[in-house]
PDB file of N, CA and C in Angstrom:
ATOM      1  N   MET A   1     -28.212 -48.657  50.336  1.00  0.00           N
ATOM      2  CA  MET A   1     -27.703 -48.767  49.074  1.00  0.00           C
ATOM      3  C   MET A   1     -26.780 -49.690  48.759  1.00  0.00           C
ATOM      4  N   LYS A   2     -26.772 -50.580  47.817  1.00  0.00           N
ATOM      5  CA  LYS A   2     -25.987 -51.904  47.696  1.00  0.00           C
ATOM      6  C   LYS A   2     -24.560 -51.153  47.291  1.00  0.00           C
ATOM      7  N   GLY A   3     -23.517 -51.818  48.001  1.00  0.00           N
ATOM      8  CA  GLY A   3     -22.122 -51.521  47.783  1.00  0.00           C
ATOM      9  C   GLY A   3     -21.585 -51.718  46.306  1.00  0.00           C
ATOM     10  N   LYS A   4     -20.569 -51.100  46.007  1.00  0.00           N
ATOM     11  CA  LYS A   4     -19.920 -51.465  44.602  1.00  0.00           C
ATOM     12  C   LYS A   4     -19.169 -52.718  44.568  1.00  0.00           C
ATOM     13  N   ARG A   5     -19.590 -53.485  43.404  1.00  0.00           N
ATOM     14  CA  ARG A   5     -18.953 -54.833  43.270  1.00  0.00           C
ATOM     15  C   ARG A   5     -17.474 -54.742  42.883  1.00  0.00           C
ATOM     16  N   TYR A   6     -17.256 -53.810  42.019  1.00  0.00           N
ATOM     17  CA  TYR A   6     -15.878 -53.685  41.326  1.00  0.00           C
ATOM     18  C   TYR A   6     -15.279 -52.277  41.653  1.00  0.00           C
ATOM     19  N   SER A   7     -13.963 -52.332  42.127  1.00  0.00           N
ATOM     20  CA  SER A   7     -13.363 -51.035  42.162  1.00  0.00           C
ATOM     21  C   SER A   7     -12.963 -50.488  40.834  1.00  0.00           C
ATOM     22  N   GLU A   8     -12.732 -49.301  40.849  1.00  0.00           N
ATOM     23  CA  GLU A   8     -12.199 -48.513  39.740  1.00  0.00           C
ATOM     24  C   GLU A   8     -11.282 -49.241  38.905  1.00  0.00           C
ATOM     25  N   GLU A   9     -10.227 -49.714  39.630  1.00  0.00           N
ATOM     26  CA  GLU A   9      -9.171 -50.433  38.985  1.00  0.00           C
ATOM     27  C   GLU A   9      -9.595 -51.615  38.258  1.00  0.00           C
ATOM     28  N   LYS A  10     -10.528 -52.424  38.627  1.00  0.00           N
ATOM     29  CA  LYS A  10     -11.084 -53.744  38.127  1.00  0.00           C
ATOM     30  C   LYS A  10     -11.908 -53.173  36.959  1.00  0.00           C
ATOM     31  N   ILE A  11     -12.630 -52.310  37.023  1.00  0.00           N
ATOM     32  CA  ILE A  11     -13.587 -51.573  36.062  1.00  0.00           C
ATOM     33  C   ILE A  11     -12.701 -51.183  34.868  1.00  0.00           C
ATOM     34  N   ILE A  12     -11.510 -50.585  35.000  1.00  0.00           N
ATOM     35  CA  ILE A  12     -10.646 -50.037  33.856  1.00  0.00           C
ATOM     36  C   ILE A  12      -9.880 -51.308  33.281  1.00  0.00           C
ATOM     37  N   ALA A  13      -9.599 -52.298  34.208  1.00  0.00           N
ATOM     38  CA  ALA A  13      -8.895 -53.650  33.560  1.00  0.00           C
ATOM     39  C   ALA A  13     -10.190 -54.240  32.445  1.00  0.00           C
ATOM     40  N   ILE A  14     -11.396 -54.383  32.955  1.00  0.00           N
ATOM     41  CA  ILE A  14     -12.431 -55.067  32.217  1.00  0.00           C
ATOM     42  C   ILE A  14     -12.556 -54.088  30.863  1.00  0.00           C
ATOM     43  N   LEU A  15     -12.507 -52.727  30.975  1.00  0.00           N
ATOM     44  CA  LEU A  15     -12.499 -51.854  29.793  1.00  0.00           C
ATOM     45  C   LEU A  15     -11.476 -52.107  28.927  1.00  0.00           C
ATOM     46  N   LYS A  16     -10.148 -52.171  29.461  1.00  0.00           N
ATOM     47  CA  LYS A  16      -9.130 -52.445  28.565  1.00  0.00           C
ATOM     48  C   LYS A  16      -9.240 -53.700  27.722  1.00  0.00           C
ATOM     49  N   GLU A  17      -9.812 -54.848  28.412  1.00  0.00           N
ATOM     50  CA  GLU A  17     -10.203 -56.166  27.500  1.00  0.00           C
ATOM     51  C   GLU A  17     -10.929 -55.863  26.476  1.00  0.00           C
ATOM     52  N   HIS A  18     -12.047 -54.978  26.714  1.00  0.00           N
ATOM     53  CA  HIS A  18     -12.891 -54.614  25.601  1.00  0.00           C
ATOM     54  C   HIS A  18     -12.312 -53.704  24.491  1.00  0.00           C
ATOM     55  N   GLU A  19     -11.340 -52.962  24.801  1.00  0.00           N
ATOM     56  CA  GLU A  19     -10.696 -52.196  23.943  1.00  0.00           C
ATOM     57  C   GLU A  19      -9.535 -52.974  23.138  1.00  0.00           C
ATOM     58  N   SER A  20      -9.101 -54.225  23.675  1.00  0.00           N
ATOM     59  CA  SER A  20      -8.168 -54.992  22.964  1.00  0.00           C
ATOM     60  C   SER A  20      -8.963 -55.904  22.060  1.00  0.00           C
ATOM     61  N   GLY A  21     -10.342 -55.905  21.849  1.00  0.00           N
ATOM     62  CA  GLY A  21     -11.041 -56.524  21.256  1.00  0.00           C
ATOM     63  C   GLY A  21     -12.166 -57.586  21.529  1.00  0.00           C
ATOM     64  N   VAL A  22     -12.085 -57.894  22.868  1.00  0.00           N
ATOM     65  CA  VAL A  22     -12.887 -59.010  23.506  1.00  0.00           C
ATOM     66  C   VAL A  22     -14.342 -58.189  23.274  1.00  0.00           C
ATOM     67  N   PRO A  23     -15.385 -59.107  22.680  1.00  0.00           N
ATOM     68  CA  PRO A  23     -16.592 -58.612  22.654  1.00  0.00           C
ATOM     69  C   PRO A  23     -17.418 -58.374  24.070  1.00  0.00           C
ATOM     70  N   VAL A  24     -18.507 -57.608  23.911  1.00  0.00           N
ATOM     71  CA  VAL A  24     -19.096 -57.118  25.094  1.00  0.00           C
ATOM     72  C   VAL A  24     -19.652 -58.349  25.725  1.00  0.00           C
ATOM     73  N   VAL A  25     -20.484 -59.091  24.801  1.00  0.00           N
ATOM     74  CA  VAL A  25     -21.127 -60.509  25.280  1.00  0.00           C
ATOM     75  C   VAL A  25     -20.048 -61.454  26.102  1.00  0.00           C
ATOM     76  N   GLU A  26     -18.958 -61.409  25.543  1.00  0.00           N
ATOM     77  CA  GLU A  26     -17.912 -62.126  26.436  1.00  0.00           C
ATOM     78  C   GLU A  26     -17.910 -61.697  27.657  1.00  0.00           C
ATOM     79  N   LEU A  27     -17.330 -60.366  27.812  1.00  0.00           N
ATOM     80  CA  LEU A  27     -17.284 -59.719  29.058  1.00  0.00           C
ATOM     81  C   LEU A  27     -18.186 -59.806  30.088  1.00  0.00           C
ATOM     82  N   VAL A  28     -19.471 -59.891  29.532  1.00  0.00           N
ATOM     83  CA  VAL A  28     -20.626 -59.833  30.325  1.00  0.00           C
ATOM     84  C   VAL A  28     -20.817 -61.508  30.874  1.00  0.00           C
ATOM     85  N   ARG A  29     -20.510 -62.391  30.286  1.00  0.00           N
ATOM     86  CA  ARG A  29     -20.619 -63.703  30.619  1.00  0.00           C
ATOM     87  C   ARG A  29     -19.320 -63.990  31.614  1.00  0.00           C
ATOM     88  N   ARG A  30     -18.112 -63.449  31.288  1.00  0.00           N
ATOM     89  CA  ARG A  30     -16.829 -63.664  32.172  1.00  0.00           C
ATOM     90  C   ARG A  30     -16.927 -62.982  33.517  1.00  0.00           C
ATOM     91  N   HIS A  31     -17.615 -61.905  33.548  1.00  0.00           N
ATOM     92  CA  HIS A  31     -17.254 -61.003  34.713  1.00  0.00           C
ATOM     93  C   HIS A  31     -18.673 -61.032  35.466  1.00  0.00           C
ATOM     94  N   GLY A  32     -19.707 -61.444  34.853  1.00  0.00           N
ATOM     95  CA  GLY A  32     -21.117 -61.522  35.770  1.00  0.00           C
ATOM     96  C   GLY A  32     -21.509 -60.132  35.753  1.00  0.00           C
ATOM     97  N   VAL A  33     -21.583 -59.181  34.966  1.00  0.00           N
ATOM     98  CA  VAL A  33     -22.214 -57.837  34.822  1.00  0.00           C
ATOM     99  C   VAL A  33     -23.117 -57.775  33.626  1.00  0.00           C
ATOM    100  N   SER A  34     -23.794 -56.877  33.690  1.00  0.00           N
ATOM    101  CA  SER A  34     -24.876 -56.566  32.584  1.00  0.00           C
ATOM    102  C   SER A  34     -24.114 -55.907  31.366  1.00  0.00           C
ATOM    103  N   GLU A  35     -24.744 -55.746  30.216  1.00  0.00           N
ATOM    104  CA  GLU A  35     -24.169 -54.870  29.151  1.00  0.00           C
ATOM    105  C   GLU A  35     -24.288 -53.375  29.685  1.00  0.00           C
ATOM    106  N   GLN A  36     -25.327 -53.195  30.232  1.00  0.00           N
ATOM    107  CA  GLN A  36     -25.518 -51.750  30.370  1.00  0.00           C
ATOM    108  C   GLN A  36     -24.394 -51.324  31.474  1.00  0.00           C
ATOM    109  N   SER A  37     -24.229 -52.125  32.280  1.00  0.00           N
ATOM    110  CA  SER A  37     -22.916 -51.772  33.237  1.00  0.00           C
ATOM    111  C   SER A  37     -21.609 -51.481  32.481  1.00  0.00           C
ATOM    112  N   ILE A  38     -21.444 -52.455  31.476  1.00  0.00           N
ATOM    113  CA  ILE A  38     -20.057 -52.173  30.545  1.00  0.00           C
ATOM    114  C   ILE A  38     -20.270 -50.794  29.871  1.00  0.00           C
ATOM    115  N   TYR A  39     -21.396 -50.458  29.317  1.00  0.00           N
ATOM    116  CA  TYR A  39     -21.574 -49.398  28.600  1.00  0.00           C
ATOM    117  C   TYR A  39     -21.742 -47.923  29.495  1.00  0.00           C
ATOM    118  N   ARG A  40     -22.036 -48.300  30.651  1.00  0.00           N
ATOM    119  CA  ARG A  40     -22.121 -47.083  31.638  1.00  0.00           C
ATOM    120  C   ARG A  40     -20.616 -46.865  32.014  1.00  0.00           C
ATOM    121  N   TRP A  41     -20.032 -47.942  32.358  1.00  0.00           N
ATOM    122  CA  TRP A  41     -18.504 -47.710  32.894  1.00  0.00           C
ATOM    123  C   TRP A  41     -17.736 -47.091  31.518  1.00  0.00           C
ATOM    124  N   LYS A  42     -17.949 -47.612  30.594  1.00  0.00           N
ATOM    125  CA  LYS A  42     -17.243 -47.101  29.196  1.00  0.00           C
ATOM    126  C   LYS A  42     -17.530 -45.499  28.945  1.00  0.00           C
ATOM    127  N   THR A  43     -18.637 -45.023  29.478  1.00  0.00           N
ATOM    128  CA  THR A  43     -19.102 -43.717  29.197  1.00  0.00           C
ATOM    129  C   THR A  43     -18.019 -42.836  30.400  1.00  0.00           C
ATOM    130  N   LYS A  44     -18.105 -43.472  31.616  1.00  0.00           N
ATOM    131  CA  LYS A  44     -17.468 -42.798  32.936  1.00  0.00           C
ATOM    132  C   LYS A  44     -16.093 -42.781  32.537  1.00  0.00           C
ATOM    133  N   TYR A  45     -15.336 -44.288  32.459  1.00  0.00           N
ATOM    134  CA  TYR A  45     -14.134 -44.534  32.740  1.00  0.00           C
ATOM    135  C   TYR A  45     -13.483 -44.738  31.454  1.00  0.00           C
ATOM    136  N   GLY A  46     -14.088 -44.532  30.143  1.00  0.00           N
ATOM    137  CA  GLY A  46     -13.389 -44.935  28.952  1.00  0.00           C
ATOM    138  C   GLY A  46     -12.062 -43.953  28.644  1.00  0.00           C
ATOM    139  N   GLY A  47     -11.146 -44.706  28.308  1.00  0.00           N
ATOM    140  CA  GLY A  47      -9.738 -44.021  27.959  1.00  0.00           C
ATOM    141  C   GLY A  47      -8.977 -43.806  29.270  1.00  0.00           C
ATOM    142  N   MET A  48      -9.297 -44.017  30.482  1.00  0.00           N
ATOM    143  CA  MET A  48      -8.566 -43.646  31.727  1.00  0.00           C
ATOM    144  C   MET A  48      -7.605 -44.700  32.131  1.00  0.00           C
ATOM    145  N   GLU A  49      -6.690 -44.427  32.640  1.00  0.00           N
ATOM    146  CA  GLU A  49      -5.773 -45.036  33.328  1.00  0.00           C
ATOM    147  C   GLU A  49      -5.987 -45.378  34.870  1.00  0.00           C
ATOM    148  N   VAL A  50      -5.459 -46.337  35.437  1.00  0.00           N
ATOM    149  CA  VAL A  50      -5.828 -46.689  36.960  1.00  0.00           C
ATOM    150  C   VAL A  50      -5.569 -45.161  37.821  1.00  0.00           C
ATOM    151  N   SER A  51      -4.540 -44.412  37.347  1.00  0.00           N
ATOM    152  CA  SER A  51      -4.014 -43.191  38.247  1.00  0.00           C
ATOM    153  C   SER A  51      -5.178 -42.238  37.885  1.00  0.00           C
ATOM    154  N   ASP A  52      -5.692 -42.204  36.674  1.00  0.00           N
ATOM    155  CA  ASP A  52      -6.469 -41.150  36.402  1.00  0.00           C
ATOM    156  C   ASP A  52      -7.827 -41.508  37.337  1.00  0.00           C
ATOM    157  N   ALA A  53      -8.319 -42.710  37.369  1.00  0.00           N
ATOM    158  CA  ALA A  53      -9.451 -42.974  38.278  1.00  0.00           C
ATOM    159  C   ALA A  53      -9.369 -42.626  39.553  1.00  0.00           C
ATOM    160  N   LYS A  54      -8.022 -42.817  40.330  1.00  0.00           N
ATOM    161  CA  LYS A  54      -7.678 -42.489  41.544  1.00  0.00           C
ATOM    162  C   LYS A  54      -7.821 -41.073  41.825  1.00  0.00           C
ATOM    163  N   ARG A  55      -7.443 -40.280  40.912  1.00  0.00           N
ATOM    164  CA  ARG A  55      -7.507 -38.783  40.879  1.00  0.00           C
ATOM    165  C   ARG A  55      -9.047 -38.319  40.918  1.00  0.00           C
ATOM    166  N   LEU A  56      -9.625 -39.063  39.979  1.00  0.00           N
ATOM    167  CA  LEU A  56     -11.081 -38.494  39.678  1.00  0.00           C
ATOM    168  C   LEU A  56     -11.809 -39.028  41.115  1.00  0.00           C
ATOM    169  N   ARG A  57     -11.667 -40.134  42.076  1.00  0.00           N
ATOM    170  CA  ARG A  57     -12.242 -40.467  43.144  1.00  0.00           C
ATOM    171  C   ARG A  57     -11.820 -39.371  44.069  1.00  0.00           C
ATOM    172  N   GLU A  58     -10.552 -38.887  44.106  1.00  0.00           N
ATOM    173  CA  GLU A  58     -10.051 -37.894  45.143  1.00  0.00           C
ATOM    174  C   GLU A  58     -10.588 -36.518  44.882  1.00  0.00           C
ATOM    175  N   LEU A  59     -10.812 -36.139  43.627  1.00  0.00           N
ATOM    176  CA  LEU A  59     -11.482 -34.998  43.173  1.00  0.00           C
ATOM    177  C   LEU A  59     -12.960 -34.989  43.708  1.00  0.00           C
ATOM    178  N   GLU A  60     -13.703 -36.022  43.247  1.00  0.00           N
ATOM    179  CA  GLU A  60     -15.221 -36.194  43.646  1.00  0.00           C
ATOM    180  C   GLU A  60     -15.224 -36.106  45.082  1.00  0.00           C
ATOM    181  N   GLU A  61     -14.411 -36.775  46.055  1.00  0.00           N
ATOM    182  CA  GLU A  61     -14.303 -36.622  47.569  1.00  0.00           C
ATOM    183  C   GLU A  61     -14.265 -34.994  48.128  1.00  0.00           C
ATOM    184  N   GLU A  62     -13.202 -34.529  47.337  1.00  0.00           N
ATOM    185  CA  GLU A  62     -13.049 -33.065  47.553  1.00  0.00           C
ATOM    186  C   GLU A  62     -14.299 -32.238  47.140  1.00  0.00           C
ATOM    187  N   ASN A  63     -14.722 -32.475  46.134  1.00  0.00           N
ATOM    188  CA  ASN A  63     -15.949 -31.645  45.706  1.00  0.00           C
ATOM    189  C   ASN A  63     -16.893 -31.732  46.789  1.00  0.00           C
ATOM    190  N   ARG A  64     -17.336 -33.029  47.052  1.00  0.00           N
ATOM    191  CA  ARG A  64     -18.445 -33.361  48.030  1.00  0.00           C
ATOM    192  C   ARG A  64     -18.248 -32.532  49.323  1.00  0.00           C
ATOM    193  N   ARG A  65     -17.005 -32.441  49.852  1.00  0.00           N
ATOM    194  CA  ARG A  65     -16.388 -31.932  51.139  1.00  0.00           C
ATOM    195  C   ARG A  65     -16.752 -30.544  51.107  1.00  0.00           C
ATOM    196  N   LEU A  66     -16.278 -29.865  49.953  1.00  0.00           N
ATOM    197  CA  LEU A  66     -16.509 -28.509  49.798  1.00  0.00           C
ATOM    198  C   LEU A  66     -17.879 -28.019  49.528  1.00  0.00           C
ATOM    199  N   LYS A  67     -18.605 -28.815  48.982  1.00  0.00           N
ATOM    200  CA  LYS A  67     -20.126 -28.295  48.835  1.00  0.00           C
ATOM    201  C   LYS A  67     -20.711 -28.450  50.239  1.00  0.00           C
ATOM    202  N   ARG A  68     -20.239 -29.391  51.082  1.00  0.00           N
ATOM    203  CA  ARG A  68     -20.954 -29.500  52.519  1.00  0.00           C
ATOM    204  C   ARG A  68     -20.277 -28.325  53.090  1.00  0.00           C
ATOM    205  N   MET A  69     -19.156 -27.677  53.154  1.00  0.00           N
ATOM    206  CA  MET A  69     -18.642 -26.603  53.585  1.00  0.00           C
ATOM    207  C   MET A  69     -19.407 -25.346  53.158  1.00  0.00           C
ATOM    208  N   VAL A  70     -19.496 -25.183  51.983  1.00  0.00           N
ATOM    209  CA  VAL A  70     -20.325 -24.142  51.410  1.00  0.00           C
ATOM    210  C   VAL A  70     -21.714 -24.210  52.147  1.00  0.00           C
ATOM    211  N   ALA A  71     -22.429 -25.207  52.034  1.00  0.00           N
ATOM    212  CA  ALA A  71     -23.828 -25.286  52.471  1.00  0.00           C
ATOM    213  C   ALA A  71     -23.933 -24.891  53.973  1.00  0.00           C
ATOM    214  N   ASP A  72     -22.794 -25.424  54.993  1.00  0.00           N
ATOM    215  CA  ASP A  72     -22.694 -25.104  56.288  1.00  0.00           C
ATOM    216  C   ASP A  72     -22.555 -23.531  56.423  1.00  0.00           C
ATOM    217  N   LEU A  73     -21.678 -22.807  55.741  1.00  0.00           N
ATOM    218  CA  LEU A  73     -21.330 -21.631  55.860  1.00  0.00           C
ATOM    219  C   LEU A  73     -22.541 -20.802  55.357  1.00  0.00           C
ATOM    220  N   SER A  74     -23.280 -21.030  54.321  1.00  0.00           N
ATOM    221  CA  SER A  74     -24.425 -20.430  53.902  1.00  0.00           C
ATOM    222  C   SER A  74     -25.506 -20.520  55.072  1.00  0.00           C
ATOM    223  N   LEU A  75     -25.582 -21.655  55.592  1.00  0.00           N
ATOM    224  CA  LEU A  75     -26.816 -21.653  56.667  1.00  0.00           C
ATOM    225  C   LEU A  75     -26.243 -20.720  57.809  1.00  0.00           C
ATOM    226  N   ASP A  76     -25.005 -20.822  58.247  1.00  0.00           N
ATOM    227  CA  ASP A  76     -24.589 -19.861  59.260  1.00  0.00           C
ATOM    228  C   ASP A  76     -24.748 -18.333  59.088  1.00  0.00           C
ATOM    229  N   LYS A  77     -24.391 -18.137  57.722  1.00  0.00           N
ATOM    230  CA  LYS A  77     -24.681 -16.614  57.134  1.00  0.00           C
ATOM    231  C   LYS A  77     -26.121 -16.340  57.367  1.00  0.00           C
ATOM    232  N   GLN A  78     -27.086 -17.052  56.945  1.00  0.00           N
ATOM    233  CA  GLN A  78     -28.597 -16.855  56.912  1.00  0.00           C
ATOM    234  C   GLN A  78     -28.964 -16.763  58.374  1.00  0.00           C
ATOM    235  N   MET A  79     -28.351 -17.647  59.294  1.00  0.00           N
ATOM    236  CA  MET A  79     -28.813 -17.353  60.538  1.00  0.00           C
ATOM    237  C   MET A  79     -28.285 -15.922  61.225  1.00  0.00           C
ATOM    238  N   LEU A  80     -27.099 -15.800  61.040  1.00  0.00           N
ATOM    239  CA  LEU A  80     -26.693 -14.498  61.390  1.00  0.00           C
ATOM    240  C   LEU A  80     -27.330 -13.333  60.850  1.00  0.00           C
ATOM    241  N   GLU A  81     -27.849 -13.399  59.594  1.00  0.00           N
ATOM    242  CA  GLU A  81     -28.508 -12.393  58.822  1.00  0.00           C
ATOM    243  C   GLU A  81     -30.024 -11.970  59.494  1.00  0.00           C
ATOM    244  N   ASP A  82     -30.590 -13.334  59.958  1.00  0.00           N
ATOM    245  CA  ASP A  82     -31.748 -13.233  60.633  1.00  0.00           C
ATOM    246  C   ASP A  82     -31.684 -12.672  61.957  1.00  0.00           C
ATOM    247  N   VAL A  83     -30.761 -12.986  62.619  1.00  0.00           N
ATOM    248  CA  VAL A  83     -30.658 -12.532  64.121  1.00  0.00           C
ATOM    249  C   VAL A  83     -30.295 -10.901  63.891  1.00  0.00           C
ATOM    250  N   LEU A  84     -29.422 -10.471  63.067  1.00  0.00           N
ATOM    251  CA  LEU A  84     -29.198  -9.124  62.665  1.00  0.00           C
ATOM    252  C   LEU A  84     -30.340  -8.071  62.278  1.00  0.00           C
ATOM    253  N   SER A  85     -31.222  -8.827  61.622  1.00  0.00           N
ATOM    254  CA  SER A  85     -32.257  -8.255  61.075  1.00  0.00           C
ATOM    255  C   SER A  85     -33.520  -7.896  61.843  1.00  0.00           C
ATOM    256  N   LYS A  86     -33.622  -8.579  63.046  1.00  0.00           N
ATOM    257  CA  LYS A  86     -34.635  -8.390  64.009  1.00  0.00           C
ATOM    258  C   LYS A  86     -34.453  -7.116  64.670  1.00  0.00           C
ATOM    259  N   LYS A  87     -35.338  -6.389  64.853  1.00  0.00           N
ATOM    260  CA  LYS A  87     -35.620  -4.936  65.556  1.00  0.00           C
ATOM    261  C   LYS A  87     -35.977  -5.118  67.005  1.00  0.00           C
ATOM    262  N   TYR A  88     -35.242  -4.544  67.947  1.00  0.00           N
ATOM    263  CA  TYR A  88     -35.606  -4.900  69.215  1.00  0.00           C
ATOM    264  C   TYR A  88     -36.231  -3.619  69.679  1.00  0.00           C
TER     265      TYR A  88
END
């Protein structure tokens, strides 16, 4: 998968330009991104500050880690139940 070209901080700066009245067409030309990217960023990061984006990134990472832990624990629990349910 291709890496991200812009950091959250840069994306928020681009969106701030748009909020200040710069047309999307100008942003597309200036930053070399598609209109779809601008609108997708606006949906995800619209109205955020840089600190909010950093916090969002931290929360997403924590959520990923917790989901992985739950999956591992569920697998361990299932294996233990399978071992205990066998009759000798």
